């Protein structure tokens, strides 16, 4: 199977580099979620921000211990559903939430080990 050159480069990264790349992508998507929350009054952009800050902390503080399962459990309630909103902004907000929650706990636990 042919692979995208980006996938090939990502495969060569160390675990902490994967998490750093993911955190950078989530930083870029954060404004989509924050604006959606502000416009609709749904959720709380600070929950997203807090989890993202904790990810950075695990990357920069050697002995940082974070219970991401607990954090993501709280975050699940703040993930919008496309069925509940009649505006385009819900889709970038959902994408941002999925990116943040997808494998966050697994990836960050491997970095802190």
Protein backbone atom coordinates (compact mmCIF):
# COMPACT_ATOMS: atom_id res chain seq x y z
CA UNK A 1 0.00 0.00 0.00
CA UNK A 2 1.29 3.45 -0.90
CA UNK A 3 1.65 5.82 2.00
CA UNK A 4 1.48 9.55 2.08
CA UNK A 5 4.96 11.09 2.60
CA UNK A 6 3.66 12.83 5.72
CA UNK A 7 2.64 9.46 7.19
CA UNK A 8 6.10 8.09 6.47
CA UNK A 9 7.73 11.02 8.27
CA UNK A 10 5.34 10.71 11.23
CA UNK A 11 6.13 7.00 11.61
CA UNK A 12 9.76 7.89 12.30
CA UNK A 13 8.93 10.21 15.19
CA UNK A 14 9.47 9.25 18.81
CA UNK A 15 6.45 8.99 21.10
CA UNK A 16 6.96 12.45 22.62
CA UNK A 17 7.28 13.92 19.13
CA UNK A 18 3.94 12.38 18.12
CA UNK A 19 2.30 13.97 21.16
CA UNK A 20 3.94 17.32 20.41
CA UNK A 21 2.69 17.20 16.82
CA UNK A 22 -0.81 16.31 18.02
CA UNK A 23 -0.76 19.14 20.57
CA UNK A 24 0.26 21.61 17.87
CA UNK A 25 -2.65 20.51 15.69
CA UNK A 26 -5.04 20.85 18.63
CA UNK A 27 -3.68 24.34 19.36
CA UNK A 28 -4.55 25.28 15.80
CA UNK A 29 -8.09 23.87 16.18
CA UNK A 30 -8.74 25.39 19.60
CA UNK A 31 -10.11 28.71 18.24
CA UNK A 32 -12.78 26.79 16.30
CA UNK A 33 -14.08 25.24 19.50
CA UNK A 34 -13.75 28.45 21.54
CA UNK A 35 -15.69 30.52 18.98
CA UNK A 36 -18.38 27.85 18.75
CA UNK A 37 -18.79 27.86 22.54
CA UNK A 38 -18.91 31.64 22.60
CA UNK A 39 -21.50 31.88 19.80
CA UNK A 40 -23.81 29.15 21.06
CA UNK A 41 -23.32 29.19 24.81
CA UNK A 42 -22.70 25.43 24.64
CA UNK A 43 -19.79 23.87 26.45
CA UNK A 44 -16.81 25.66 27.88
CA UNK A 45 -13.72 26.53 25.87
CA UNK A 46 -11.72 26.52 29.11
CA UNK A 47 -12.15 22.75 29.48
CA UNK A 48 -10.47 22.24 26.09
CA UNK A 49 -7.77 24.74 27.01
CA UNK A 50 -7.14 23.05 30.38
CA UNK A 51 -6.65 19.62 28.81
CA UNK A 52 -4.38 21.05 26.14
CA UNK A 53 -2.31 22.81 28.82
CA UNK A 54 -2.02 19.52 30.70
CA UNK A 55 -0.71 17.85 27.55
CA UNK A 56 1.98 20.53 27.26
CA UNK A 57 2.77 20.05 30.93
CA UNK A 58 3.40 16.32 30.44
CA UNK A 59 5.78 17.22 27.64
CA UNK A 60 7.71 19.84 29.60
CA UNK A 61 7.61 18.65 33.23
CA UNK A 62 9.52 15.41 33.66
CA UNK A 63 7.51 13.90 36.52
CA UNK A 64 4.10 15.36 35.67
CA UNK A 65 1.27 13.01 36.63
CA UNK A 66 -2.08 13.73 35.01
CA UNK A 67 -5.20 11.59 35.05
CA UNK A 68 -6.31 12.11 31.45
CA UNK A 69 -9.13 9.60 31.77
CA UNK A 70 -10.76 11.84 34.36
CA UNK A 71 -10.15 14.96 32.29
CA UNK A 72 -11.56 13.42 29.13
CA UNK A 73 -14.59 12.15 31.05
CA UNK A 74 -15.43 15.75 31.98
CA UNK A 75 -14.70 16.85 28.42
CA UNK A 76 -17.14 14.38 26.84
CA UNK A 77 -20.06 16.46 28.09
CA UNK A 78 -18.66 19.49 26.27
CA UNK A 79 -18.47 17.81 22.86
CA UNK A 80 -21.26 19.15 20.64
CA UNK A 81 -23.51 16.99 18.49
CA UNK A 82 -24.18 18.00 14.89
CA UNK A 83 -27.84 17.03 15.37
CA UNK A 84 -28.30 19.66 18.07
CA UNK A 85 -27.01 22.68 16.13
CA UNK A 86 -28.05 24.20 12.83
CA UNK A 87 -24.86 26.06 12.00
CA UNK A 88 -21.67 25.16 10.20
CA UNK A 89 -19.44 26.01 13.17
CA UNK A 90 -20.45 22.81 14.93
CA UNK A 91 -18.36 20.71 12.51
CA UNK A 92 -14.98 22.40 13.14
CA UNK A 93 -15.81 22.33 16.87
CA UNK A 94 -16.48 18.59 16.71
CA UNK A 95 -13.25 18.07 14.75
CA UNK A 96 -11.31 19.95 17.43
CA UNK A 97 -12.88 17.85 20.18
CA UNK A 98 -12.23 14.56 18.41
CA UNK A 99 -8.62 15.55 17.76
CA UNK A 100 -8.09 16.42 21.41
CA UNK A 101 -9.77 13.35 22.83
CA UNK A 102 -8.49 10.81 20.30
CA UNK A 103 -5.80 8.77 22.00
CA UNK A 104 -4.81 11.67 24.26
CA UNK A 105 -4.61 9.56 27.38
CA UNK A 106 -2.66 6.79 25.65
CA UNK A 107 -0.24 9.14 23.95
CA UNK A 108 0.42 11.23 27.04
CA UNK A 109 0.81 8.26 29.35
CA UNK A 110 3.53 6.92 27.07
CA UNK A 111 5.35 10.25 27.23
CA UNK A 112 5.28 10.41 31.02
CA UNK A 113 6.82 6.96 31.37
